[in-house]
Amino acid sequence: MTTRRILATSGGFLPTERYEAAAPGRTVLEVLRLTGKQRPRLLLVLTASGDDGPRLARYYQALSGLSVDVDHLSLFTMPNQPVEEAVGRADAVWVGGGSVANLLALWRLHGVDVALRDAWESGTVLAGVSAGSICWHVGGPTDSFGPTLRLHKPALGLLPYGNGVHYDSEEQRRPLLQSLVASGELPLSYATDDRVGILYEGEEPVEVVTDVDVDPLAGPAAYRVERDGDRVVETRLAPGRID
């Protein structure tokens, strides 16, 4: 039976001491491991940042020392390769951050949304950071429209939850997500601090993964945010398997 997996993060690639260089964090390494391949094929999709060339180059550089074949799908100013073929070849897909609203609009225009759903159903590991996390869910708070965050939905809805990212580093994120859950505009939601990701198998969250070592009791974590009557309950999910 095919296992459908998504790793939704506020992390991924880490800055290094070298100027304009990056290194893969544990969330990226976990994506590669989950493929079960000795040399997996990883597709980078940076639609949310307008197919940012320097960022794409940093990702290629960061992955160059690993046993992985890297490819990318660009949509500006036209697709650099057929969407179905690019996604269909991949063992895993990593989606970069930026504007989730722009990402979703372009994906729907070019059929990327359908290709990714088909790939997920077939066992391709889907993953990403920020906009590349929100996109797999029902929706979530975003700065796609300006510095004041607002809800954007519907996203792809592969996961039937709301999603919050950068939960510990951007002050609008936590209260807005809680408000959206309280009002019923978002269902049960999951959120991640910076450098943290949640692994889903099927539609179930099963593990919290971090890019670096953290204090399991007080360090960066993930959160379940749900409505309980007329209040919102937030439960901290420490790194490791989710009970």
Protein backbone atom coordinates (compact mmCIF):
# COMPACT_ATOMS: atom_id res chain seq x y z
CA MET A 1 0.00 0.00 0.00
CA THR A 2 1.35 3.44 -0.92
CA THR A 3 2.16 5.74 1.99
CA ARG A 4 1.38 9.39 1.32
CA ARG A 5 3.79 11.72 3.11
CA ILE A 6 4.07 15.47 3.52
CA LEU A 7 6.70 17.29 5.59
CA ALA A 8 5.41 20.82 6.22
CA THR A 9 8.01 23.13 7.75
CA SER A 10 9.21 26.53 8.83
CA GLY A 11 12.76 25.41 8.12
CA GLY A 12 14.77 23.52 5.54
CA PHE A 13 17.92 25.20 4.34
CA LEU A 14 20.22 26.81 6.92
CA PRO A 15 22.52 29.85 6.51
CA THR A 16 26.25 29.21 6.72
CA GLU A 17 29.33 31.33 7.41
CA ARG A 18 29.95 31.55 3.69
CA TYR A 19 28.33 34.53 1.99
CA GLU A 20 25.15 33.62 0.11
CA ALA A 21 25.60 29.92 0.92
CA ALA A 22 23.24 27.46 2.58
CA ALA A 23 23.27 23.97 4.04
CA PRO A 24 20.46 21.42 4.19
CA GLY A 25 18.85 21.13 7.60
CA ARG A 26 17.55 17.88 9.03
CA THR A 27 14.10 18.48 7.58
CA VAL A 28 15.56 18.42 4.06
CA LEU A 29 17.63 15.35 4.89
CA GLU A 30 14.51 13.66 6.28
CA VAL A 31 12.66 14.32 3.02
CA LEU A 32 15.42 12.53 1.11
CA ARG A 33 15.45 9.64 3.59
CA LEU A 34 11.70 9.19 3.36
CA THR A 35 11.94 8.40 -0.34
CA GLY A 36 13.68 5.14 0.49
CA LYS A 37 16.03 5.68 -2.45
CA GLN A 38 19.83 5.59 -2.30
CA ARG A 39 19.96 8.45 -4.80
CA PRO A 40 16.53 10.10 -4.89
CA ARG A 41 15.37 12.62 -7.47
CA LEU A 42 14.45 15.90 -5.79
CA LEU A 43 12.42 18.56 -7.59
CA LEU A 44 12.78 22.15 -6.37
CA VAL A 45 9.76 24.39 -6.95
CA LEU A 46 10.31 28.07 -6.09
CA THR A 47 7.14 29.54 -7.58
CA ALA A 48 6.33 31.45 -4.38
CA SER A 49 9.47 33.59 -4.73
CA GLY A 50 9.01 34.17 -8.45
CA ASP A 51 11.49 31.39 -9.28
CA ASP A 52 14.23 33.34 -7.48
CA GLY A 53 17.44 32.50 -9.36
CA PRO A 54 19.99 33.21 -6.59
CA ARG A 55 17.95 31.19 -4.10
CA LEU A 56 17.70 28.30 -6.55
CA ALA A 57 21.48 28.42 -7.03
CA ARG A 58 22.00 28.30 -3.24
CA TYR A 59 19.79 25.24 -2.99
CA TYR A 60 21.66 23.47 -5.77
CA GLN A 61 24.94 24.31 -4.04
CA ALA A 62 23.66 23.13 -0.67
CA LEU A 63 22.63 19.76 -2.12
CA SER A 64 25.71 19.24 -4.26
CA GLY A 65 27.53 17.09 -1.71
CA LEU A 66 24.63 14.71 -1.15
CA SER A 67 23.58 11.56 -2.97
CA VAL A 68 20.65 13.20 -4.76
CA ASP A 69 19.75 14.17 -8.32
CA VAL A 70 18.36 17.70 -8.24
CA ASP A 71 16.01 19.24 -10.80
CA HIS A 72 13.75 22.30 -10.72
CA LEU A 73 10.44 23.42 -12.14
CA SER A 74 10.18 27.10 -13.06
CA LEU A 75 7.02 28.80 -14.31
CA PHE A 76 8.43 32.26 -15.11
CA THR A 77 8.18 33.37 -17.83
CA MET A 78 7.04 30.01 -19.14
CA PRO A 79 7.48 26.48 -17.75
CA ASN A 80 11.06 25.31 -18.22
CA GLN A 81 9.80 21.75 -18.80
CA PRO A 82 6.45 19.96 -19.00
CA VAL A 83 4.82 20.08 -15.57
CA GLU A 84 3.54 16.50 -15.52
CA GLU A 85 6.92 15.11 -16.59
CA ALA A 86 8.91 17.14 -14.06
CA VAL A 87 6.67 16.21 -11.14
CA GLY A 88 6.20 12.65 -12.32
CA ARG A 89 9.96 11.94 -12.34
CA ALA A 90 10.51 13.17 -8.81
CA ASP A 91 10.82 11.01 -5.71
CA ALA A 92 10.39 14.13 -3.58
CA VAL A 93 9.35 17.75 -4.12
CA TRP A 94 10.59 20.72 -2.08
CA VAL A 95 8.56 23.94 -2.33
CA GLY A 96 10.24 27.18 -1.29
CA GLY A 97 8.77 30.13 0.58
CA GLY A 98 7.32 33.43 -0.58
CA SER A 99 3.76 34.29 -1.59
CA VAL A 100 1.38 31.37 -1.14
CA ALA A 101 -1.38 33.32 -2.91
CA ASN A 102 0.74 33.79 -6.04
CA LEU A 103 1.98 30.20 -5.83
CA LEU A 104 -1.54 28.77 -5.77
CA ALA A 105 -2.76 30.99 -8.60
CA LEU A 106 0.08 29.97 -10.90
CA TRP A 107 -0.07 26.31 -9.94
CA ARG A 108 -3.75 26.19 -10.82
CA LEU A 109 -3.12 28.00 -14.08
CA HIS A 110 -0.41 25.53 -15.15
CA GLY A 111 -1.85 22.34 -13.64
CA VAL A 112 0.86 21.97 -11.00
CA ASP A 113 -1.81 21.45 -8.34
CA VAL A 114 -3.20 18.41 -10.13
CA ALA A 115 0.26 16.98 -10.85
CA LEU A 116 1.29 17.31 -7.19
CA ARG A 117 -1.89 15.67 -5.93
CA ASP A 118 -1.36 12.76 -8.32
CA ALA A 119 2.27 12.46 -7.22
CA TRP A 120 1.30 12.46 -3.54
CA GLU A 121 -1.27 9.74 -4.17
CA SER A 122 1.48 7.72 -5.88
CA GLY A 123 3.94 8.02 -2.98
CA THR A 124 6.07 11.02 -3.91
CA VAL A 125 7.19 12.84 -0.76
CA LEU A 126 5.93 16.44 -0.72
CA ALA A 127 7.59 19.07 1.45
CA GLY A 128 8.36 22.73 1.78
CA VAL A 129 8.85 25.81 3.91
CA SER A 130 6.48 28.67 4.79
CA ALA A 131 4.32 29.13 1.66
CA GLY A 132 5.59 25.65 0.80
CA SER A 133 3.98 24.44 4.03
CA ILE A 134 0.68 26.33 3.96
CA CYS A 135 -0.02 25.19 0.40
CA TRP A 136 -0.64 21.55 1.38
CA HIS A 137 -3.31 22.52 3.94
CA VAL A 138 -6.76 24.13 3.83
CA GLY A 139 -5.13 27.55 4.19
CA GLY A 140 -3.47 29.80 6.72
CA PRO A 141 -2.26 33.28 7.65
CA THR A 142 -0.01 34.86 5.02
CA ASP A 143 1.76 38.11 4.20
CA SER A 144 1.03 37.57 0.50
CA PHE A 145 -1.05 40.76 0.43
CA GLY A 146 1.13 43.05 2.54
CA PRO A 147 2.68 43.46 5.99
CA THR A 148 -0.66 42.92 7.75
CA LEU A 149 -1.31 39.20 7.71
CA ARG A 150 -4.61 37.79 6.51
CA LEU A 151 -6.13 34.40 5.81
CA HIS A 152 -5.73 32.88 2.37
CA LYS A 153 -7.74 29.85 1.35
CA PRO A 154 -8.47 27.53 -0.28
CA ALA A 155 -5.01 26.03 -0.61
CA LEU A 156 -4.58 22.52 -2.03
CA GLY A 157 -6.32 20.84 0.89
CA LEU A 158 -4.32 17.61 0.78
CA LEU A 159 -4.28 17.97 4.56
CA PRO A 160 -7.63 18.90 6.16
CA TYR A 161 -6.15 21.40 8.61
CA GLY A 162 -5.25 25.05 8.83
CA ASN A 163 -1.54 25.84 9.00
CA GLY A 164 0.61 28.43 10.72
CA VAL A 165 4.29 29.05 10.01
CA HIS A 166 7.08 31.09 11.66
CA TYR A 167 5.02 30.81 14.82
CA ASP A 168 7.75 32.01 17.17
CA SER A 169 9.38 34.74 15.07
CA GLU A 170 6.57 36.87 13.60
CA GLU A 171 4.28 38.39 16.20
CA GLN A 172 1.08 38.45 14.12
CA ARG A 173 1.16 34.73 13.36
CA ARG A 174 0.03 33.12 16.62
CA PRO A 175 -2.88 35.46 17.53
CA LEU A 176 -4.23 35.46 13.98
CA LEU A 177 -4.19 31.67 13.68
CA GLN A 178 -5.91 31.35 17.05
CA SER A 179 -8.52 33.92 16.00
CA LEU A 180 -9.21 32.12 12.73
CA VAL A 181 -9.68 28.81 14.54
CA ALA A 182 -11.90 30.47 17.16
CA SER A 183 -14.13 31.98 14.47
CA GLY A 184 -14.37 28.74 12.52
CA GLU A 185 -12.71 30.27 9.45
CA LEU A 186 -10.05 27.60 9.84
CA PRO A 187 -10.55 24.07 11.19
CA LEU A 188 -8.21 22.32 13.61
CA SER A 189 -4.79 23.71 12.71
CA TYR A 190 -1.12 22.86 13.10
CA ALA A 191 1.71 25.38 13.38
CA THR A 192 5.50 25.28 13.44
CA ASP A 193 8.18 27.45 14.98
CA ASP A 194 11.19 28.34 12.86
CA ARG A 195 13.43 25.34 12.09
CA VAL A 196 10.60 22.91 12.81
CA GLY A 197 8.48 20.68 10.59
CA ILE A 198 5.57 18.28 10.96
CA LEU A 199 5.56 14.97 9.12
CA TYR A 200 2.15 13.74 8.01
CA GLU A 201 1.45 10.19 6.90
CA GLY A 202 -1.80 10.18 5.00
CA GLU A 203 -3.69 12.94 6.79
CA GLU A 204 -2.28 12.21 10.24
CA PRO A 205 0.54 14.20 11.89
CA VAL A 206 3.00 11.60 13.15
CA GLU A 207 6.28 13.34 13.98
CA VAL A 208 7.83 16.72 14.75
CA VAL A 209 11.20 17.15 13.02
CA THR A 210 13.76 19.88 13.71
CA ASP A 211 16.63 21.22 11.61
CA VAL A 212 18.98 21.48 14.60
CA ASP A 213 19.22 20.17 18.16
CA VAL A 214 16.68 21.91 20.40
CA ASP A 215 15.57 21.74 24.02
CA PRO A 216 12.64 19.28 23.89
CA LEU A 217 10.93 21.00 26.82
CA ALA A 218 11.41 24.69 26.04
CA GLY A 219 12.86 24.98 22.55
CA PRO A 220 11.18 25.43 19.15
CA ALA A 221 8.26 23.07 18.62
CA ALA A 222 5.03 22.47 16.74
CA TYR A 223 1.51 23.16 17.96
CA ARG A 224 -2.02 21.85 17.61
CA VAL A 225 -4.59 24.67 17.71
CA GLU A 226 -8.24 23.69 18.13
CA ARG A 227 -11.54 25.12 19.25
CA ASP A 228 -13.06 23.82 22.46
CA GLY A 229 -16.47 25.38 22.95
CA ASP A 230 -15.97 29.14 23.15
CA ARG A 231 -12.21 28.99 23.62
CA VAL A 232 -9.11 27.98 21.68
CA VAL A 233 -6.74 25.36 23.05
CA GLU A 234 -3.13 25.29 21.91
CA THR A 235 -1.12 22.13 22.61
CA ARG A 236 2.67 22.11 22.28
CA LEU A 237 4.06 19.17 20.30
CA ALA A 238 7.67 18.48 21.26
CA PRO A 239 10.21 17.16 18.74
CA GLY A 240 9.79 13.44 18.16
CA ARG A 241 6.86 11.12 17.53
CA ILE A 242 3.41 12.55 18.17
CA ASP A 243 1.33 10.54 20.63
